[in-house]
Amino acid sequence: MGKVVLFDHVEVHVDDIPGYCEFLVKIFQGGRHHVISDSGTAMFVSVDGYAIEIKQRKGDGAPQASGFCNPCLRTEGAKALIEDDLGCEITQTVENDDGHIYFFVDHEGVTWHIKDYLLLDSQVNW
C-alpha cells in the first residue's frame, strides 16, 4: 500500500457532445472544455478541477446501463439551479439531517442529484 492512487476523470457517453459540454458549464457554473480527439471526444474541467470526458454514445442503452451513474453535487440554491438555470424538472426530493437532496434527469437521460447545502455530510466526511 505504498502507492498513491489519484482520481483523474469520469466518462459520460452522450448523443450531443458540444451540447453536453455547455450543459456541464451551466451545472458547474463555469469550467472549460475542448475537443481532445479526431472522433470529437471532449474533456470538461470544472472550476474546482473535476474532469469529465465526453464521448459519443455508441448504443441505444440508457446512460445508467454501464459504468458510474447518478452524479452527485453540492451547492446552495440547488432547486433554483435545477429548475431555473438548467430548465430541468425535479423528479424526487429526499431529506436528510443536513437538508434537501433533489434528483433530476438531464436532456441526455442522465440522472443527477444535488444536495442543497455545501457541508460535507456524514456520507463522505467520516
C-alpha atoms as a PDB file:
ATOM      1  CA  MET A   1       0.000   0.000   0.000  1.00  0.00           C
ATOM      2  CA  GLY A   2       2.911   2.387  -0.627  1.00  0.00           C
ATOM      3  CA  LYS A   3       1.497   3.821  -3.868  1.00  0.00           C
ATOM      4  CA  VAL A   4      -0.803   6.816  -4.119  1.00  0.00           C
ATOM      5  CA  VAL A   5      -3.802   6.439  -6.425  1.00  0.00           C
ATOM      6  CA  LEU A   6      -5.204   9.718  -7.717  1.00  0.00           C
ATOM      7  CA  PHE A   7      -8.600  10.308  -9.272  1.00  0.00           C
ATOM      8  CA  ASP A   8      -8.271  11.505 -12.888  1.00  0.00           C
ATOM      9  CA  HIS A   9     -11.677  11.744 -14.608  1.00  0.00           C
ATOM     10  CA  VAL A  10     -15.003  10.049 -15.308  1.00  0.00           C
ATOM     11  CA  GLU A  11     -16.577   9.445 -18.716  1.00  0.00           C
ATOM     12  CA  VAL A  12     -20.041  10.205 -19.955  1.00  0.00           C
ATOM     13  CA  HIS A  13     -21.397   8.874 -23.264  1.00  0.00           C
ATOM     14  CA  VAL A  14     -23.927  11.175 -24.959  1.00  0.00           C
ATOM     15  CA  ASP A  15     -25.531  11.942 -28.334  1.00  0.00           C
ATOM     16  CA  ASP A  16     -24.616  15.659 -28.452  1.00  0.00           C
ATOM     17  CA  ILE A  17     -21.046  16.277 -27.254  1.00  0.00           C
ATOM     18  CA  PRO A  18     -20.960  20.092 -27.756  1.00  0.00           C
ATOM     19  CA  GLY A  19     -24.396  20.484 -26.169  1.00  0.00           C
ATOM     20  CA  TYR A  20     -23.384  18.397 -23.177  1.00  0.00           C
ATOM     21  CA  CYS A  21     -20.215  20.453 -22.713  1.00  0.00           C
ATOM     22  CA  GLU A  22     -22.384  23.571 -22.494  1.00  0.00           C
ATOM     23  CA  PHE A  23     -24.731  21.788 -20.064  1.00  0.00           C
ATOM     24  CA  LEU A  24     -21.750  20.971 -17.831  1.00  0.00           C
ATOM     25  CA  VAL A  25     -20.624  24.622 -17.906  1.00  0.00           C
ATOM     26  CA  LYS A  26     -24.125  25.580 -16.707  1.00  0.00           C
ATOM     27  CA  ILE A  27     -24.446  22.959 -13.988  1.00  0.00           C
ATOM     28  CA  PHE A  28     -20.950  23.587 -12.610  1.00  0.00           C
ATOM     29  CA  GLN A  29     -21.395  27.359 -13.083  1.00  0.00           C
ATOM     30  CA  GLY A  30     -18.192  27.643 -15.074  1.00  0.00           C
ATOM     31  CA  GLY A  31     -15.368  25.495 -16.294  1.00  0.00           C
ATOM     32  CA  ARG A  32     -13.699  24.885 -19.612  1.00  0.00           C
ATOM     33  CA  HIS A  33     -13.824  22.257 -22.355  1.00  0.00           C
ATOM     34  CA  HIS A  34     -12.151  21.382 -25.615  1.00  0.00           C
ATOM     35  CA  VAL A  35     -12.051  18.587 -28.182  1.00  0.00           C
ATOM     36  CA  ILE A  36      -9.259  16.099 -27.432  1.00  0.00           C
ATOM     37  CA  SER A  37      -9.534  13.643 -30.341  1.00  0.00           C
ATOM     38  CA  ASP A  38     -10.404  13.383 -34.027  1.00  0.00           C
ATOM     39  CA  SER A  39     -13.568  11.464 -33.082  1.00  0.00           C
ATOM     40  CA  GLY A  40     -14.948  14.576 -31.350  1.00  0.00           C
ATOM     41  CA  THR A  41     -14.366  13.387 -27.788  1.00  0.00           C
ATOM     42  CA  ALA A  42     -14.107  16.371 -25.450  1.00  0.00           C
ATOM     43  CA  MET A  43     -12.779  16.959 -21.946  1.00  0.00           C
ATOM     44  CA  PHE A  44     -14.545  19.258 -19.489  1.00  0.00           C
ATOM     45  CA  VAL A  45     -12.775  20.545 -16.377  1.00  0.00           C
ATOM     46  CA  SER A  46     -14.825  22.301 -13.687  1.00  0.00           C
ATOM     47  CA  VAL A  47     -13.581  25.355 -11.794  1.00  0.00           C
ATOM     48  CA  ASP A  48     -12.608  23.058  -8.900  1.00  0.00           C
ATOM     49  CA  GLY A  49     -10.645  20.698 -11.170  1.00  0.00           C
ATOM     50  CA  TYR A  50     -13.183  17.883 -11.631  1.00  0.00           C
ATOM     51  CA  ALA A  51     -12.644  16.316 -15.090  1.00  0.00           C
ATOM     52  CA  ILE A  52     -15.323  14.699 -17.256  1.00  0.00           C
ATOM     53  CA  GLU A  53     -14.536  13.096 -20.620  1.00  0.00           C
ATOM     54  CA  ILE A  54     -17.482  13.399 -23.018  1.00  0.00           C
ATOM     55  CA  LYS A  55     -17.676  10.699 -25.704  1.00  0.00           C
ATOM     56  CA  GLN A  56     -20.142   9.842 -28.446  1.00  0.00           C
ATOM     57  CA  ARG A  57     -22.739   7.285 -27.331  1.00  0.00           C
ATOM     58  CA  LYS A  58     -22.356   4.067 -29.344  1.00  0.00           C
ATOM     59  CA  GLY A  59     -25.578   2.269 -28.459  1.00  0.00           C
ATOM     60  CA  ASP A  60     -29.181   2.948 -27.608  1.00  0.00           C
ATOM     61  CA  GLY A  61     -28.878   1.858 -23.973  1.00  0.00           C
ATOM     62  CA  ALA A  62     -29.759   4.168 -21.119  1.00  0.00           C
ATOM     63  CA  PRO A  63     -26.817   6.145 -19.674  1.00  0.00           C
ATOM     64  CA  GLN A  64     -27.093   4.294 -16.374  1.00  0.00           C
ATOM     65  CA  ALA A  65     -26.768   0.931 -18.140  1.00  0.00           C
ATOM     66  CA  SER A  66     -22.998   0.925 -17.716  1.00  0.00           C
ATOM     67  CA  GLY A  67     -20.228   2.413 -15.623  1.00  0.00           C
ATOM     68  CA  PHE A  68     -20.631   5.108 -12.997  1.00  0.00           C
ATOM     69  CA  CYS A  69     -24.044   6.704 -12.716  1.00  0.00           C
ATOM     70  CA  ASN A  70     -26.059   9.234 -10.710  1.00  0.00           C
ATOM     71  CA  PRO A  71     -23.541  12.064 -10.315  1.00  0.00           C
ATOM     72  CA  CYS A  72     -23.974  13.957  -7.037  1.00  0.00           C
ATOM     73  CA  LEU A  73     -23.131  17.623  -6.474  1.00  0.00           C
ATOM     74  CA  ARG A  74     -23.421  20.027  -3.519  1.00  0.00           C
ATOM     75  CA  THR A  75     -24.485  23.677  -3.727  1.00  0.00           C
ATOM     76  CA  GLU A  76     -26.700  26.222  -2.044  1.00  0.00           C
ATOM     77  CA  GLY A  77     -29.819  27.071  -4.049  1.00  0.00           C
ATOM     78  CA  ALA A  78     -29.927  23.679  -5.780  1.00  0.00           C
ATOM     79  CA  LYS A  79     -33.656  23.855  -6.564  1.00  0.00           C
ATOM     80  CA  ALA A  80     -33.273  27.147  -8.455  1.00  0.00           C
ATOM     81  CA  LEU A  81     -30.188  25.858 -10.281  1.00  0.00           C
ATOM     82  CA  ILE A  82     -32.052  22.762 -11.491  1.00  0.00           C
ATOM     83  CA  GLU A  83     -35.352  24.398 -12.418  1.00  0.00           C
ATOM     84  CA  ASP A  84     -34.339  27.915 -13.477  1.00  0.00           C
ATOM     85  CA  ASP A  85     -30.761  27.691 -14.755  1.00  0.00           C
ATOM     86  CA  LEU A  86     -30.846  24.194 -16.248  1.00  0.00           C
ATOM     87  CA  GLY A  87     -34.547  24.050 -17.160  1.00  0.00           C
ATOM     88  CA  CYS A  88     -34.900  20.549 -15.718  1.00  0.00           C
ATOM     89  CA  GLU A  89     -37.737  19.089 -13.668  1.00  0.00           C
ATOM     90  CA  ILE A  90     -37.103  17.758 -10.184  1.00  0.00           C
ATOM     91  CA  THR A  91     -38.203  14.114 -10.157  1.00  0.00           C
ATOM     92  CA  GLN A  92     -37.661  13.346  -6.472  1.00  0.00           C
ATOM     93  CA  THR A  93     -36.822  15.174  -3.259  1.00  0.00           C
ATOM     94  CA  VAL A  94     -35.153  13.425  -0.328  1.00  0.00           C
ATOM     95  CA  GLU A  95     -34.368  14.979   3.022  1.00  0.00           C
ATOM     96  CA  ASN A  96     -31.559  14.096   5.386  1.00  0.00           C
ATOM     97  CA  ASP A  97     -30.279  15.715   8.577  1.00  0.00           C
ATOM     98  CA  ASP A  98     -28.396  18.382   6.622  1.00  0.00           C
ATOM     99  CA  GLY A  99     -31.059  19.415   4.100  1.00  0.00           C
ATOM    100  CA  HIS A 100     -32.804  18.577   0.850  1.00  0.00           C
ATOM    101  CA  ILE A 101     -31.443  16.439  -1.974  1.00  0.00           C
ATOM    102  CA  TYR A 102     -33.013  16.997  -5.394  1.00  0.00           C
ATOM    103  CA  PHE A 103     -32.979  14.408  -8.193  1.00  0.00           C
ATOM    104  CA  PHE A 104     -33.469  15.250 -11.881  1.00  0.00           C
ATOM    105  CA  VAL A 105     -32.811  13.804 -15.344  1.00  0.00           C
ATOM    106  CA  ASP A 106     -30.871  15.858 -17.897  1.00  0.00           C
ATOM    107  CA  HIS A 107     -31.574  16.109 -21.648  1.00  0.00           C
ATOM    108  CA  GLU A 108     -29.335  13.067 -22.339  1.00  0.00           C
ATOM    109  CA  GLY A 109     -31.189  10.859 -19.829  1.00  0.00           C
ATOM    110  CA  VAL A 110     -28.531  11.015 -17.093  1.00  0.00           C
ATOM    111  CA  THR A 111     -29.984  11.066 -13.564  1.00  0.00           C
ATOM    112  CA  TRP A 112     -28.260  13.577 -11.260  1.00  0.00           C
ATOM    113  CA  HIS A 113     -28.811  14.599  -7.664  1.00  0.00           C
ATOM    114  CA  ILE A 114     -27.754  17.789  -5.940  1.00  0.00           C
ATOM    115  CA  LYS A 115     -27.521  18.281  -2.191  1.00  0.00           C
ATOM    116  CA  ASP A 116     -28.896  21.713  -1.274  1.00  0.00           C
ATOM    117  CA  TYR A 117     -26.046  22.500   1.127  1.00  0.00           C
ATOM    118  CA  LEU A 118     -22.264  22.878   0.989  1.00  0.00           C
ATOM    119  CA  LEU A 119     -21.461  20.870   4.108  1.00  0.00           C
ATOM    120  CA  LEU A 120     -19.511  17.637   3.646  1.00  0.00           C
ATOM    121  CA  ASP A 121     -22.100  15.404   5.280  1.00  0.00           C
ATOM    122  CA  SER A 122     -21.644  12.168   7.204  1.00  0.00           C
ATOM    123  CA  GLN A 123     -21.886  10.145   3.972  1.00  0.00           C
ATOM    124  CA  VAL A 124     -18.494  11.420   2.755  1.00  0.00           C
ATOM    125  CA  ASN A 125     -16.943  13.053   5.834  1.00  0.00           C
ATOM    126  CA  TRP A 126     -16.264  10.282   8.378  1.00  0.00           C
END
